[in-house]
Amino acid sequence: MVYPNGYSGTVNSNVAVSVEKQASVNVNLEVELFVVNQLAKIWHSGGKIGFPPEWTWRGDSDLMSHANLESKGFLIGDCCIFGVRFFGVEPAASGTAECFSVIEKPLNHKVTWMMTRFSSFAPEKVHNSHEFVVGNRKW
């Protein structure tokens, strides 16, 4: 979910991740949301944030201001690239395994999606990325 001009009174862009709770996975984890600089091989992160099991979404309201996204090379034209890392997912129980794949052999275990017309997003509306399925989970 993206709030390019802030969420609920904040001035910085707000990016959030939503997780569908699955019975087979303990989702007591931390997430790190980041925005990727398109001019250099760097990304900007607000750091890890807790994601309690009872929550279905978590966001970072201090990620970066809309003005800085453009001036620092994170927003080029109408394209901005965001990412998320998950920490603390429990390993599968002994004798079982979880296999995540989107394509036959996904590169670096990452899923990439593109948001078009980012600068035209209405600040008061939620913008969801396209859902994708990995194994039997919806992300």
C-alpha atoms as a PDB file:
ATOM      1  CA  MET A   1       0.000   0.000   0.000  1.00  0.00           C
ATOM      2  CA  VAL A   2       1.396   3.385  -0.912  1.00  0.00           C
ATOM      3  CA  TYR A   3       0.422   6.813   0.371  1.00  0.00           C
ATOM      4  CA  PRO A   4       2.739   9.055  -1.696  1.00  0.00           C
ATOM      5  CA  ASN A   5       1.911  12.260   0.189  1.00  0.00           C
ATOM      6  CA  GLY A   6       1.675  10.781   3.670  1.00  0.00           C
ATOM      7  CA  TYR A   7      -0.965   8.951   5.674  1.00  0.00           C
ATOM      8  CA  SER A   8      -3.136  10.358   8.434  1.00  0.00           C
ATOM      9  CA  GLY A   9      -1.334  13.682   8.789  1.00  0.00           C
ATOM     10  CA  THR A  10       2.251  12.552   8.166  1.00  0.00           C
ATOM     11  CA  VAL A  11       4.406  14.466   5.675  1.00  0.00           C
ATOM     12  CA  ASN A  12       6.533  11.609   4.413  1.00  0.00           C
ATOM     13  CA  SER A  13       5.490   8.992   1.892  1.00  0.00           C
ATOM     14  CA  ASN A  14       3.993   6.015   3.663  1.00  0.00           C
ATOM     15  CA  VAL A  15       4.570   2.501   2.395  1.00  0.00           C
ATOM     16  CA  ALA A  16       2.904  -0.457   4.075  1.00  0.00           C
ATOM     17  CA  VAL A  17       2.858  -4.210   3.679  1.00  0.00           C
ATOM     18  CA  SER A  18      -0.140  -6.443   4.278  1.00  0.00           C
ATOM     19  CA  VAL A  19       0.184 -10.121   5.202  1.00  0.00           C
ATOM     20  CA  GLU A  20      -2.569 -12.688   5.058  1.00  0.00           C
ATOM     21  CA  LYS A  21      -2.229 -14.793   8.206  1.00  0.00           C
ATOM     22  CA  GLN A  22      -1.805 -18.476   7.455  1.00  0.00           C
ATOM     23  CA  ALA A  23      -2.303 -21.211  10.043  1.00  0.00           C
ATOM     24  CA  SER A  24       0.905 -23.016   9.010  1.00  0.00           C
ATOM     25  CA  VAL A  25       3.178 -19.999   9.558  1.00  0.00           C
ATOM     26  CA  ASN A  26       3.867 -18.069  12.752  1.00  0.00           C
ATOM     27  CA  VAL A  27       3.883 -14.464  11.506  1.00  0.00           C
ATOM     28  CA  ASN A  28       5.476 -12.915  14.595  1.00  0.00           C
ATOM     29  CA  LEU A  29       8.103 -11.114  12.555  1.00  0.00           C
ATOM     30  CA  GLU A  30       9.799  -7.868  11.634  1.00  0.00           C
ATOM     31  CA  VAL A  31       9.673  -6.138   8.278  1.00  0.00           C
ATOM     32  CA  GLU A  32      11.970  -3.650   6.617  1.00  0.00           C
ATOM     33  CA  LEU A  33      10.395  -1.434   3.962  1.00  0.00           C
ATOM     34  CA  PHE A  34      12.697   0.391   1.583  1.00  0.00           C
ATOM     35  CA  VAL A  35      12.748   2.534  -1.537  1.00  0.00           C
ATOM     36  CA  VAL A  36      15.332   1.881  -4.260  1.00  0.00           C
ATOM     37  CA  ASN A  37      17.470   4.638  -5.764  1.00  0.00           C
ATOM     38  CA  GLN A  38      17.279   4.339  -9.550  1.00  0.00           C
ATOM     39  CA  LEU A  39      20.510   6.259 -10.187  1.00  0.00           C
ATOM     40  CA  ALA A  40      22.802   4.362  -7.819  1.00  0.00           C
ATOM     41  CA  LYS A  41      22.914   0.881  -6.316  1.00  0.00           C
ATOM     42  CA  ILE A  42      21.505   1.941  -2.945  1.00  0.00           C
ATOM     43  CA  TRP A  43      18.222   1.822  -1.109  1.00  0.00           C
ATOM     44  CA  HIS A  44      16.804   3.864   1.728  1.00  0.00           C
ATOM     45  CA  SER A  45      15.172   2.112   4.658  1.00  0.00           C
ATOM     46  CA  GLY A  46      13.461   3.321   7.782  1.00  0.00           C
ATOM     47  CA  GLY A  47      14.842   0.238   9.571  1.00  0.00           C
ATOM     48  CA  LYS A  48      13.121  -2.851  10.909  1.00  0.00           C
ATOM     49  CA  ILE A  49       9.633  -2.486  12.349  1.00  0.00           C
ATOM     50  CA  GLY A  50       7.745  -5.041  14.424  1.00  0.00           C
ATOM     51  CA  PHE A  51       4.834  -6.939  12.896  1.00  0.00           C
ATOM     52  CA  PRO A  52       2.833  -8.530  15.748  1.00  0.00           C
ATOM     53  CA  PRO A  53       0.891 -11.710  14.839  1.00  0.00           C
ATOM     54  CA  GLU A  54      -2.483 -10.051  15.447  1.00  0.00           C
ATOM     55  CA  TRP A  55      -1.828  -7.269  12.911  1.00  0.00           C
ATOM     56  CA  THR A  56      -2.643  -7.669   9.216  1.00  0.00           C
ATOM     57  CA  TRP A  57      -0.641  -4.680   7.948  1.00  0.00           C
ATOM     58  CA  ARG A  58       2.255  -2.514   9.026  1.00  0.00           C
ATOM     59  CA  GLY A  59       3.673   0.639   7.482  1.00  0.00           C
ATOM     60  CA  ASP A  60       6.566   3.068   7.681  1.00  0.00           C
ATOM     61  CA  SER A  61       5.417   6.691   7.802  1.00  0.00           C
ATOM     62  CA  ASP A  62       8.985   8.014   8.049  1.00  0.00           C
ATOM     63  CA  LEU A  63      10.333   6.408   4.900  1.00  0.00           C
ATOM     64  CA  MET A  64      11.012   9.552   2.819  1.00  0.00           C
ATOM     65  CA  SER A  65       9.234  12.750   1.827  1.00  0.00           C
ATOM     66  CA  HIS A  66       7.751  12.951  -1.652  1.00  0.00           C
ATOM     67  CA  ALA A  67      10.086  15.888  -2.448  1.00  0.00           C
ATOM     68  CA  ASN A  68      13.172  13.867  -1.451  1.00  0.00           C
ATOM     69  CA  LEU A  69      12.035  10.876  -3.499  1.00  0.00           C
ATOM     70  CA  GLU A  70      12.504  12.940  -6.649  1.00  0.00           C
ATOM     71  CA  SER A  71      15.484  15.098  -5.663  1.00  0.00           C
ATOM     72  CA  LYS A  72      17.575  12.142  -4.453  1.00  0.00           C
ATOM     73  CA  GLY A  73      16.945   9.846  -7.439  1.00  0.00           C
ATOM     74  CA  PHE A  74      14.312   7.546  -5.966  1.00  0.00           C
ATOM     75  CA  LEU A  75      11.496   8.848  -8.187  1.00  0.00           C
ATOM     76  CA  ILE A  76      12.357   9.045 -11.886  1.00  0.00           C
ATOM     77  CA  GLY A  77       9.552  10.269 -14.119  1.00  0.00           C
ATOM     78  CA  ASP A  78       6.563   8.330 -12.865  1.00  0.00           C
ATOM     79  CA  CYS A  79       8.474   5.315 -11.555  1.00  0.00           C
ATOM     80  CA  CYS A  80       9.367   4.540  -7.941  1.00  0.00           C
ATOM     81  CA  ILE A  81      10.618   1.147  -6.744  1.00  0.00           C
ATOM     82  CA  PHE A  82       9.795  -0.150  -3.253  1.00  0.00           C
ATOM     83  CA  GLY A  83      10.790  -3.363  -1.525  1.00  0.00           C
ATOM     84  CA  VAL A  84      10.216  -5.299   1.661  1.00  0.00           C
ATOM     85  CA  ARG A  85      12.334  -7.774   3.631  1.00  0.00           C
ATOM     86  CA  PHE A  86      10.868 -10.141   6.214  1.00  0.00           C
ATOM     87  CA  PHE A  87      12.799 -11.191   9.336  1.00  0.00           C
ATOM     88  CA  GLY A  88      11.862 -13.757  11.975  1.00  0.00           C
ATOM     89  CA  VAL A  89       9.830 -16.286  10.012  1.00  0.00           C
ATOM     90  CA  GLU A  90      10.030 -19.538  11.922  1.00  0.00           C
ATOM     91  CA  PRO A  91      11.553 -22.479  10.097  1.00  0.00           C
ATOM     92  CA  ALA A  92       9.169 -25.239   9.066  1.00  0.00           C
ATOM     93  CA  ALA A  93       8.548 -28.085  11.507  1.00  0.00           C
ATOM     94  CA  SER A  94      10.916 -31.045  11.268  1.00  0.00           C
ATOM     95  CA  GLY A  95      10.058 -33.259   8.298  1.00  0.00           C
ATOM     96  CA  THR A  96       8.170 -30.514   6.433  1.00  0.00           C
ATOM     97  CA  ALA A  97       9.203 -27.757   4.095  1.00  0.00           C
ATOM     98  CA  GLU A  98       7.859 -24.558   2.594  1.00  0.00           C
ATOM     99  CA  CYS A  99       8.624 -23.927  -1.058  1.00  0.00           C
ATOM    100  CA  PHE A 100       8.072 -20.424  -2.453  1.00  0.00           C
ATOM    101  CA  SER A 101       8.146 -19.882  -6.191  1.00  0.00           C
ATOM    102  CA  VAL A 102       6.470 -17.431  -8.521  1.00  0.00           C
ATOM    103  CA  ILE A 103       8.165 -18.475 -11.726  1.00  0.00           C
ATOM    104  CA  GLU A 104      10.017 -21.725 -12.275  1.00  0.00           C
ATOM    105  CA  LYS A 105      13.245 -20.256 -10.864  1.00  0.00           C
ATOM    106  CA  PRO A 106      12.738 -16.774  -9.391  1.00  0.00           C
ATOM    107  CA  LEU A 107      15.901 -14.668  -9.300  1.00  0.00           C
ATOM    108  CA  ASN A 108      17.310 -14.048  -5.815  1.00  0.00           C
ATOM    109  CA  HIS A 109      14.026 -15.162  -4.195  1.00  0.00           C
ATOM    110  CA  LYS A 110      12.533 -11.748  -5.010  1.00  0.00           C
ATOM    111  CA  VAL A 111       9.293 -10.647  -6.608  1.00  0.00           C
ATOM    112  CA  THR A 112       9.384  -7.344  -8.460  1.00  0.00           C
ATOM    113  CA  TRP A 113       6.368  -5.318  -9.444  1.00  0.00           C
ATOM    114  CA  MET A 114       6.018  -1.908 -10.992  1.00  0.00           C
ATOM    115  CA  MET A 115       3.775   0.981  -9.955  1.00  0.00           C
ATOM    116  CA  THR A 116       2.958   3.220 -12.889  1.00  0.00           C
ATOM    117  CA  ARG A 117       1.882   6.867 -12.639  1.00  0.00           C
ATOM    118  CA  PHE A 118       3.181   7.029  -9.025  1.00  0.00           C
ATOM    119  CA  SER A 119       3.149  10.829  -8.929  1.00  0.00           C
ATOM    120  CA  SER A 120      -0.542  10.872  -9.874  1.00  0.00           C
ATOM    121  CA  PHE A 121      -1.650   8.803  -6.851  1.00  0.00           C
ATOM    122  CA  ALA A 122      -4.297  10.577  -4.798  1.00  0.00           C
ATOM    123  CA  PRO A 123      -2.827  11.116  -1.296  1.00  0.00           C
ATOM    124  CA  GLU A 124      -6.059  10.228   0.500  1.00  0.00           C
ATOM    125  CA  LYS A 125      -6.440   6.820  -1.143  1.00  0.00           C
ATOM    126  CA  VAL A 126      -4.802   3.452  -0.531  1.00  0.00           C
ATOM    127  CA  HIS A 127      -2.890   2.025  -3.485  1.00  0.00           C
ATOM    128  CA  ASN A 128      -2.442  -1.736  -3.470  1.00  0.00           C
ATOM    129  CA  SER A 129       0.070  -3.649  -5.549  1.00  0.00           C
ATOM    130  CA  HIS A 130      -1.161  -6.583  -7.588  1.00  0.00           C
ATOM    131  CA  GLU A 131      -1.514  -9.703  -5.486  1.00  0.00           C
ATOM    132  CA  PHE A 132       0.674 -12.637  -6.403  1.00  0.00           C
ATOM    133  CA  VAL A 133       0.670 -16.239  -5.270  1.00  0.00           C
ATOM    134  CA  VAL A 134       3.744 -18.038  -3.980  1.00  0.00           C
ATOM    135  CA  GLY A 135       3.022 -21.674  -3.234  1.00  0.00           C
ATOM    136  CA  ASN A 136      -0.391 -21.651  -1.582  1.00  0.00           C
ATOM    137  CA  ARG A 137      -0.023 -18.138  -0.125  1.00  0.00           C
ATOM    138  CA  LYS A 138      -1.322 -14.839  -1.419  1.00  0.00           C
ATOM    139  CA  TRP A 139       1.002 -11.826  -1.033  1.00  0.00           C
END
